[in-house]
PDB file of all heavy atoms in Angstrom:
ATOM      1  N   PRO A   1       7.584  22.527  35.691  1.00  0.00           N
ATOM      2  CA  PRO A   1       6.496  22.512  34.663  1.00  0.00           C
ATOM      3  C   PRO A   1       6.453  21.213  33.755  1.00  0.00           C
ATOM      4  O   PRO A   1       5.447  20.927  33.137  1.00  0.00           O
ATOM      5  CB  PRO A   1       6.894  23.732  33.753  1.00  0.00           C
ATOM      6  CG  PRO A   1       7.683  24.573  34.621  1.00  0.00           C
ATOM      7  CD  PRO A   1       8.491  23.641  35.509  1.00  0.00           C
ATOM      8  N   THR A   2       7.596  20.477  33.803  1.00  0.00           N
ATOM      9  CA  THR A   2       7.630  19.237  33.023  1.00  0.00           C
ATOM     10  C   THR A   2       7.040  18.014  33.720  1.00  0.00           C
ATOM     11  O   THR A   2       6.962  16.966  33.071  1.00  0.00           O
ATOM     12  CB  THR A   2       9.069  18.966  32.545  1.00  0.00           C
ATOM     13  OG1 THR A   2       9.741  18.508  33.700  1.00  0.00           O
ATOM     14  CG2 THR A   2       9.641  20.209  31.944  1.00  0.00           C
ATOM     15  N   TRP A   3       6.759  18.119  34.977  1.00  0.00           N
ATOM     16  CA  TRP A   3       6.299  17.006  35.759  1.00  0.00           C
ATOM     17  C   TRP A   3       4.843  16.859  35.653  1.00  0.00           C
ATOM     18  O   TRP A   3       4.018  17.822  35.770  1.00  0.00           O
ATOM     19  CB  TRP A   3       6.717  17.241  37.208  1.00  0.00           C
ATOM     20  CG  TRP A   3       6.201  16.057  38.145  1.00  0.00           C
ATOM     21  CD1 TRP A   3       5.151  16.096  38.933  1.00  0.00           C
ATOM     22  CD2 TRP A   3       6.871  14.796  38.317  1.00  0.00           C
ATOM     23  NE1 TRP A   3       5.035  14.924  39.642  1.00  0.00           N
ATOM     24  CE2 TRP A   3       6.097  14.133  39.229  1.00  0.00           C
ATOM     25  CE3 TRP A   3       8.036  14.228  37.754  1.00  0.00           C
ATOM     26  CZ2 TRP A   3       6.374  12.858  39.636  1.00  0.00           C
ATOM     27  CZ3 TRP A   3       8.352  12.997  38.184  1.00  0.00           C
ATOM     28  CH2 TRP A   3       7.525  12.298  39.066  1.00  0.00           C
ATOM     29  N   PRO A   4       4.219  15.651  35.450  1.00  0.00           N
ATOM     30  CA  PRO A   4       5.032  14.391  35.366  1.00  0.00           C
ATOM     31  C   PRO A   4       5.103  13.892  33.855  1.00  0.00           C
ATOM     32  O   PRO A   4       5.599  12.767  33.651  1.00  0.00           O
ATOM     33  CB  PRO A   4       3.983  13.358  36.038  1.00  0.00           C
ATOM     34  CG  PRO A   4       2.628  13.850  35.742  1.00  0.00           C
ATOM     35  CD  PRO A   4       2.802  15.393  35.707  1.00  0.00           C
ATOM     36  N   ALA A   5       4.818  14.815  32.930  1.00  0.00           N
ATOM     37  CA  ALA A   5       4.830  14.384  31.548  1.00  0.00           C
ATOM     38  C   ALA A   5       6.196  13.810  31.099  1.00  0.00           C
ATOM     39  O   ALA A   5       6.335  12.920  30.308  1.00  0.00           O
ATOM     40  CB  ALA A   5       4.440  15.568  30.593  1.00  0.00           C
ATOM     41  N   ILE A   6       7.290  14.350  31.680  1.00  0.00           N
ATOM     42  CA  ILE A   6       8.581  14.005  31.237  1.00  0.00           C
ATOM     43  C   ILE A   6       8.952  12.452  31.559  1.00  0.00           C
ATOM     44  O   ILE A   6       9.754  11.817  30.883  1.00  0.00           O
ATOM     45  CB  ILE A   6       9.644  14.874  32.035  1.00  0.00           C
ATOM     46  CG1 ILE A   6      11.072  14.726  31.323  1.00  0.00           C
ATOM     47  CG2 ILE A   6       9.763  14.652  33.431  1.00  0.00           C
ATOM     48  CD1 ILE A   6      12.084  15.635  31.795  1.00  0.00           C
ATOM     49  N   THR A   7       8.200  11.948  32.526  1.00  0.00           N
ATOM     50  CA  THR A   7       8.415  10.547  32.838  1.00  0.00           C
ATOM     51  C   THR A   7       8.091   9.601  31.636  1.00  0.00           C
ATOM     52  O   THR A   7       8.692   8.453  31.636  1.00  0.00           O
ATOM     53  CB  THR A   7       7.631  10.135  34.041  1.00  0.00           C
ATOM     54  OG1 THR A   7       6.235  10.290  33.818  1.00  0.00           O
ATOM     55  CG2 THR A   7       7.988  10.942  35.283  1.00  0.00           C
ATOM     56  N   ASP A   8       7.364   9.975  30.734  1.00  0.00           N
ATOM     57  CA  ASP A   8       7.033   9.188  29.532  1.00  0.00           C
ATOM     58  C   ASP A   8       8.322   8.923  28.768  1.00  0.00           C
ATOM     59  O   ASP A   8       8.354   7.919  28.026  1.00  0.00           O
ATOM     60  CB  ASP A   8       6.046   9.883  28.607  1.00  0.00           C
ATOM     61  CG  ASP A   8       4.608   9.896  29.334  1.00  0.00           C
ATOM     62  OD1 ASP A   8       4.424   9.110  30.188  1.00  0.00           O
ATOM     63  OD2 ASP A   8       3.801  10.746  28.862  1.00  0.00           O
ATOM     64  N   GLU A   9       9.323   9.830  28.854  1.00  0.00           N
ATOM     65  CA  GLU A   9      10.516   9.637  28.119  1.00  0.00           C
ATOM     66  C   GLU A   9      11.644   9.028  28.829  1.00  0.00           C
ATOM     67  O   GLU A   9      12.730   8.763  28.274  1.00  0.00           O
ATOM     68  CB  GLU A   9      11.018  11.063  27.643  1.00  0.00           C
ATOM     69  CG  GLU A   9       9.912  11.744  26.792  1.00  0.00           C
ATOM     70  CD  GLU A   9      10.272  13.179  26.406  1.00  0.00           C
ATOM     71  OE1 GLU A   9      11.468  13.389  26.017  1.00  0.00           O
ATOM     72  OE2 GLU A   9       9.473  14.096  26.576  1.00  0.00           O
ATOM     73  N   ILE A  10      11.491   8.710  30.171  1.00  0.00           N
ATOM     74  CA  ILE A  10      12.557   8.149  30.913  1.00  0.00           C
ATOM     75  C   ILE A  10      12.989   6.728  30.404  1.00  0.00           C
ATOM     76  O   ILE A  10      14.191   6.437  30.448  1.00  0.00           O
ATOM     77  CB  ILE A  10      12.107   8.114  32.412  1.00  0.00           C
ATOM     78  CG1 ILE A  10      11.947   9.495  32.893  1.00  0.00           C
ATOM     79  CG2 ILE A  10      13.161   7.327  33.197  1.00  0.00           C
ATOM     80  CD1 ILE A  10      13.271  10.426  32.804  1.00  0.00           C
ATOM     81  N   PRO A  11      12.021   5.792  30.065  1.00  0.00           N
ATOM     82  CA  PRO A  11      12.406   4.581  29.553  1.00  0.00           C
ATOM     83  C   PRO A  11      13.366   4.695  28.297  1.00  0.00           C
ATOM     84  O   PRO A  11      14.359   3.871  28.235  1.00  0.00           O
ATOM     85  CB  PRO A  11      11.141   3.871  29.233  1.00  0.00           C
ATOM     86  CG  PRO A  11      10.067   4.475  30.142  1.00  0.00           C
ATOM     87  CD  PRO A  11      10.575   5.948  30.246  1.00  0.00           C
ATOM     88  N   ALA A  12      13.054   5.630  27.366  1.00  0.00           N
ATOM     89  CA  ALA A  12      13.936   5.774  26.216  1.00  0.00           C
ATOM     90  C   ALA A  12      15.280   6.278  26.715  1.00  0.00           C
ATOM     91  O   ALA A  12      16.289   5.909  26.061  1.00  0.00           O
ATOM     92  CB  ALA A  12      13.182   6.614  25.183  1.00  0.00           C
ATOM     93  N   LEU A  13      15.332   7.143  27.598  1.00  0.00           N
ATOM     94  CA  LEU A  13      16.592   7.719  28.085  1.00  0.00           C
ATOM     95  C   LEU A  13      17.453   6.616  28.606  1.00  0.00           C
ATOM     96  O   LEU A  13      18.549   6.482  28.411  1.00  0.00           O
ATOM     97  CB  LEU A  13      16.327   8.752  29.153  1.00  0.00           C
ATOM     98  CG  LEU A  13      17.552   9.297  29.935  1.00  0.00           C
ATOM     99  CD1 LEU A  13      18.520   9.969  29.098  1.00  0.00           C
ATOM    100  CD2 LEU A  13      17.128  10.248  31.121  1.00  0.00           C
ATOM    101  N   ILE A  14      16.867   5.702  29.502  1.00  0.00           N
ATOM    102  CA  ILE A  14      17.572   4.628  30.070  1.00  0.00           C
ATOM    103  C   ILE A  14      18.088   3.672  29.005  1.00  0.00           C
ATOM    104  O   ILE A  14      19.167   3.168  29.065  1.00  0.00           O
ATOM    105  CB  ILE A  14      16.747   3.925  31.157  1.00  0.00           C
ATOM    106  CG1 ILE A  14      16.502   4.835  32.302  1.00  0.00           C
ATOM    107  CG2 ILE A  14      17.438   2.568  31.569  1.00  0.00           C
ATOM    108  CD1 ILE A  14      15.755   4.284  33.483  1.00  0.00           C
ATOM    109  N   GLY A  15      17.282   3.453  27.997  1.00  0.00           N
ATOM    110  CA  GLY A  15      17.625   2.599  26.836  1.00  0.00           C
ATOM    111  C   GLY A  15      18.902   3.059  26.172  1.00  0.00           C
ATOM    112  O   GLY A  15      19.651   2.293  25.526  1.00  0.00           O
ATOM    113  N   ARG A  16      19.127   4.370  26.188  1.00  0.00           N
ATOM    114  CA  ARG A  16      20.382   4.958  25.507  1.00  0.00           C
ATOM    115  C   ARG A  16      21.626   4.806  26.397  1.00  0.00           C
ATOM    116  O   ARG A  16      22.777   5.127  25.958  1.00  0.00           O
ATOM    117  CB  ARG A  16      20.117   6.418  25.097  1.00  0.00           C
ATOM    118  CG  ARG A  16      19.104   6.583  24.007  1.00  0.00           C
ATOM    119  CD  ARG A  16      19.121   7.963  23.451  1.00  0.00           C
ATOM    120  NE  ARG A  16      18.570   8.850  24.425  1.00  0.00           N
ATOM    121  CZ  ARG A  16      17.266   9.207  24.468  1.00  0.00           C
ATOM    122  NH1 ARG A  16      16.427   8.655  23.775  1.00  0.00           N
ATOM    123  NH2 ARG A  16      16.850  10.099  25.392  1.00  0.00           N
ATOM    124  N   LEU A  17      21.441   4.406  27.702  1.00  0.00           N
ATOM    125  CA  LEU A  17      22.643   4.281  28.599  1.00  0.00           C
ATOM    126  C   LEU A  17      23.289   3.031  28.469  1.00  0.00           C
ATOM    127  O   LEU A  17      24.437   2.893  28.948  1.00  0.00           O
ATOM    128  CB  LEU A  17      22.151   4.529  29.990  1.00  0.00           C
ATOM    129  CG  LEU A  17      21.473   5.915  30.364  1.00  0.00           C
ATOM    130  CD1 LEU A  17      21.057   5.789  31.842  1.00  0.00           C
ATOM    131  CD2 LEU A  17      22.362   7.018  30.072  1.00  0.00           C
ATOM    132  N   GLY A  18      22.704   2.036  27.875  1.00  0.00           N
ATOM    133  CA  GLY A  18      23.264   0.757  27.756  1.00  0.00           C
ATOM    134  C   GLY A  18      22.253  -0.367  27.268  1.00  0.00           C
ATOM    135  O   GLY A  18      21.116   0.007  27.008  1.00  0.00           O
ATOM    136  N   THR A  19      22.633  -1.560  26.991  1.00  0.00           N
ATOM    137  CA  THR A  19      21.770  -2.689  26.582  1.00  0.00           C
ATOM    138  C   THR A  19      20.942  -3.174  27.763  1.00  0.00           C
ATOM    139  O   THR A  19      21.548  -3.762  28.676  1.00  0.00           O
ATOM    140  CB  THR A  19      22.505  -3.655  25.857  1.00  0.00           C
ATOM    141  OG1 THR A  19      23.254  -3.251  24.784  1.00  0.00           O
ATOM    142  CG2 THR A  19      21.611  -4.818  25.377  1.00  0.00           C
ATOM    143  N   VAL A  20      19.692  -2.924  27.750  1.00  0.00           N
ATOM    144  CA  VAL A  20      18.834  -3.194  28.909  1.00  0.00           C
ATOM    145  C   VAL A  20      18.344  -4.717  28.757  1.00  0.00           C
ATOM    146  O   VAL A  20      17.755  -5.160  27.781  1.00  0.00           O
ATOM    147  CB  VAL A  20      17.637  -2.277  28.928  1.00  0.00           C
ATOM    148  CG1 VAL A  20      16.654  -2.706  30.171  1.00  0.00           C
ATOM    149  CG2 VAL A  20      18.179  -0.890  29.172  1.00  0.00           C
ATOM    150  N   VAL A  21      18.543  -5.420  29.848  1.00  0.00           N
ATOM    151  CA  VAL A  21      18.059  -6.831  29.957  1.00  0.00           C
ATOM    152  C   VAL A  21      16.597  -6.811  30.457  1.00  0.00           C
ATOM    153  O   VAL A  21      15.750  -7.551  29.912  1.00  0.00           O
ATOM    154  CB  VAL A  21      18.867  -7.620  30.972  1.00  0.00           C
ATOM    155  CG1 VAL A  21      18.325  -9.100  31.184  1.00  0.00           C
ATOM    156  CG2 VAL A  21      20.362  -7.824  30.526  1.00  0.00           C
ATOM    157  N   ASP A  22      16.397  -5.940  31.407  1.00  0.00           N
ATOM    158  CA  ASP A  22      14.847  -5.900  31.898  1.00  0.00           C
ATOM    159  C   ASP A  22      14.851  -4.582  32.685  1.00  0.00           C
ATOM    160  O   ASP A  22      15.861  -3.972  33.043  1.00  0.00           O
ATOM    161  CB  ASP A  22      14.655  -6.975  32.867  1.00  0.00           C
ATOM    162  CG  ASP A  22      13.199  -7.279  33.169  1.00  0.00           C
ATOM    163  OD1 ASP A  22      12.396  -6.519  32.636  1.00  0.00           O
ATOM    164  OD2 ASP A  22      12.801  -8.186  33.848  1.00  0.00           O
ATOM    165  N   ASP A  23      13.600  -4.107  32.728  1.00  0.00           N
ATOM    166  CA  ASP A  23      13.372  -2.781  33.454  1.00  0.00           C
ATOM    167  C   ASP A  23      11.966  -2.890  34.198  1.00  0.00           C
ATOM    168  O   ASP A  23      11.227  -3.648  33.983  1.00  0.00           O
ATOM    169  CB  ASP A  23      13.497  -1.604  32.565  1.00  0.00           C
ATOM    170  CG  ASP A  23      12.598  -1.748  31.343  1.00  0.00           C
ATOM    171  OD1 ASP A  23      11.460  -2.352  31.403  1.00  0.00           O
ATOM    172  OD2 ASP A  23      13.026  -1.285  30.241  1.00  0.00           O
ATOM    173  N   HIS A  24      11.895  -1.685  35.002  1.00  0.00           N
ATOM    174  CA  HIS A  24      10.635  -1.690  35.781  1.00  0.00           C
ATOM    175  C   HIS A  24      10.478  -0.152  36.065  1.00  0.00           C
ATOM    176  O   HIS A  24      11.348   0.511  36.371  1.00  0.00           O
ATOM    177  CB  HIS A  24      10.631  -2.435  37.120  1.00  0.00           C
ATOM    178  CG  HIS A  24       9.473  -2.236  37.948  1.00  0.00           C
ATOM    179  ND1 HIS A  24       8.262  -2.724  37.752  1.00  0.00           N
ATOM    180  CD2 HIS A  24       9.355  -1.390  39.144  1.00  0.00           C
ATOM    181  CE1 HIS A  24       7.378  -2.368  38.679  1.00  0.00           C
ATOM    182  NE2 HIS A  24       8.027  -1.540  39.514  1.00  0.00           N
ATOM    183  N   PHE A  25       9.195   0.361  35.888  1.00  0.00           N
ATOM    184  CA  PHE A  25       8.854   1.698  36.080  1.00  0.00           C
ATOM    185  C   PHE A  25       7.550   1.789  36.853  1.00  0.00           C
ATOM    186  O   PHE A  25       6.596   1.100  36.546  1.00  0.00           O
ATOM    187  CB  PHE A  25       8.690   2.464  34.835  1.00  0.00           C
ATOM    188  CG  PHE A  25       9.947   2.298  33.823  1.00  0.00           C
ATOM    189  CD1 PHE A  25       9.925   1.333  32.790  1.00  0.00           C
ATOM    190  CD2 PHE A  25      11.069   3.122  34.021  1.00  0.00           C
ATOM    191  CE1 PHE A  25      10.969   1.246  31.994  1.00  0.00           C
ATOM    192  CE2 PHE A  25      12.168   2.967  33.212  1.00  0.00           C
ATOM    193  CZ  PHE A  25      12.146   2.011  32.220  1.00  0.00           C
ATOM    194  N   GLU A  26       7.555   2.785  37.795  1.00  0.00           N
ATOM    195  CA  GLU A  26       6.297   2.987  38.616  1.00  0.00           C
ATOM    196  C   GLU A  26       6.291   4.311  39.173  1.00  0.00           C
ATOM    197  O   GLU A  26       7.402   4.952  39.560  1.00  0.00           O
ATOM    198  CB  GLU A  26       6.139   1.898  39.638  1.00  0.00           C
ATOM    199  CG  GLU A  26       7.275   1.997  40.727  1.00  0.00           C
ATOM    200  CD  GLU A  26       7.062   0.931  41.751  1.00  0.00           C
ATOM    201  OE1 GLU A  26       5.899   0.573  42.042  1.00  0.00           O
ATOM    202  OE2 GLU A  26       8.018   0.484  42.340  1.00  0.00           O
ATOM    203  N   PHE A  27       5.163   4.963  39.440  1.00  0.00           N
ATOM    204  CA  PHE A  27       4.876   6.066  40.191  1.00  0.00           C
ATOM    205  C   PHE A  27       4.809   5.699  41.686  1.00  0.00           C
ATOM    206  O   PHE A  27       4.115   4.664  42.012  1.00  0.00           O
ATOM    207  CB  PHE A  27       3.671   6.919  39.681  1.00  0.00           C
ATOM    208  CG  PHE A  27       3.962   7.691  38.469  1.00  0.00           C
ATOM    209  CD1 PHE A  27       3.196   7.363  37.301  1.00  0.00           C
ATOM    210  CD2 PHE A  27       4.692   8.845  38.573  1.00  0.00           C
ATOM    211  CE1 PHE A  27       3.435   8.147  36.201  1.00  0.00           C
ATOM    212  CE2 PHE A  27       4.943   9.638  37.420  1.00  0.00           C
ATOM    213  CZ  PHE A  27       4.250   9.328  36.231  1.00  0.00           C
ATOM    214  N   LEU A  28       5.284   6.553  42.535  1.00  0.00           N
ATOM    215  CA  LEU A  28       5.126   6.315  43.979  1.00  0.00           C
ATOM    216  C   LEU A  28       4.544   7.616  44.596  1.00  0.00           C
ATOM    217  O   LEU A  28       4.984   8.711  44.212  1.00  0.00           O
ATOM    218  CB  LEU A  28       6.556   6.127  44.633  1.00  0.00           C
ATOM    219  CG  LEU A  28       7.209   4.746  44.132  1.00  0.00           C
ATOM    220  CD1 LEU A  28       8.608   4.674  44.784  1.00  0.00           C
ATOM    221  CD2 LEU A  28       6.426   3.573  44.396  1.00  0.00           C
ATOM    222  N   PRO A  29       3.632   7.577  45.434  1.00  0.00           N
ATOM    223  CA  PRO A  29       3.053   6.271  46.063  1.00  0.00           C
ATOM    224  C   PRO A  29       2.095   5.578  44.985  1.00  0.00           C
ATOM    225  O   PRO A  29       1.706   4.415  45.303  1.00  0.00           O
ATOM    226  CB  PRO A  29       2.246   6.852  47.207  1.00  0.00           C
ATOM    227  CG  PRO A  29       1.909   8.135  46.923  1.00  0.00           C
ATOM    228  CD  PRO A  29       3.078   8.635  46.091  1.00  0.00           C
ATOM    229  N   GLY A  30       1.659   6.236  43.912  1.00  0.00           N
ATOM    230  CA  GLY A  30       0.797   5.619  42.985  1.00  0.00           C
ATOM    231  C   GLY A  30       0.589   6.548  41.906  1.00  0.00           C
ATOM    232  O   GLY A  30       0.903   7.746  41.855  1.00  0.00           O
ATOM    233  N   PRO A  31       0.006   6.090  40.757  1.00  0.00           N
ATOM    234  CA  PRO A  31      -0.299   6.887  39.600  1.00  0.00           C
ATOM    235  C   PRO A  31      -1.281   8.049  39.863  1.00  0.00           C
ATOM    236  O   PRO A  31      -1.251   9.047  39.133  1.00  0.00           O
ATOM    237  CB  PRO A  31      -0.786   5.902  38.420  1.00  0.00           C
ATOM    238  CG  PRO A  31      -1.387   4.747  39.368  1.00  0.00           C
ATOM    239  CD  PRO A  31      -0.426   4.609  40.538  1.00  0.00           C
ATOM    240  N   ASP A  32      -2.100   7.853  40.785  1.00  0.00           N
ATOM    241  CA  ASP A  32      -3.074   8.955  41.093  1.00  0.00           C
ATOM    242  C   ASP A  32      -2.545  10.070  41.946  1.00  0.00           C
ATOM    243  O   ASP A  32      -2.945  11.249  41.894  1.00  0.00           O
ATOM    244  CB  ASP A  32      -4.258   8.376  41.904  1.00  0.00           C
ATOM    245  CG  ASP A  32      -5.047   7.296  41.111  1.00  0.00           C
ATOM    246  OD1 ASP A  32      -5.057   7.466  39.845  1.00  0.00           O
ATOM    247  OD2 ASP A  32      -5.705   6.474  41.774  1.00  0.00           O
ATOM    248  N   GLU A  33      -1.336   9.798  42.568  1.00  0.00           N
ATOM    249  CA  GLU A  33      -0.569  10.787  43.319  1.00  0.00           C
ATOM    250  C   GLU A  33       0.923  10.663  43.015  1.00  0.00           C
ATOM    251  O   GLU A  33       1.778  10.242  43.898  1.00  0.00           O
ATOM    252  CB  GLU A  33      -0.809  10.613  44.830  1.00  0.00           C
ATOM    253  CG  GLU A  33      -2.142  10.756  45.360  1.00  0.00           C
ATOM    254  CD  GLU A  33      -2.406  10.545  46.788  1.00  0.00           C
ATOM    255  OE1 GLU A  33      -1.879  11.345  47.622  1.00  0.00           O
ATOM    256  OE2 GLU A  33      -3.022   9.548  47.185  1.00  0.00           O
ATOM    257  N   PRO A  34       1.332  11.032  41.795  1.00  0.00           N
ATOM    258  CA  PRO A  34       2.661  10.871  41.367  1.00  0.00           C
ATOM    259  C   PRO A  34       3.694  11.797  42.016  1.00  0.00           C
ATOM    260  O   PRO A  34       4.059  12.812  41.457  1.00  0.00           O
ATOM    261  CB  PRO A  34       2.566  11.060  39.865  1.00  0.00           C
ATOM    262  CG  PRO A  34       1.515  12.033  39.686  1.00  0.00           C
ATOM    263  CD  PRO A  34       0.544  11.688  40.781  1.00  0.00           C
TER     264      PRO A  34
END
């Protein structure tokens, strides 16, 4: 039930795992079919 809304919070989750130099996020195969 949380999909795909929960992905909005993934960048913040990763940010709490360590000091991020750079990151990249994407839906596969694409945002229209996540």
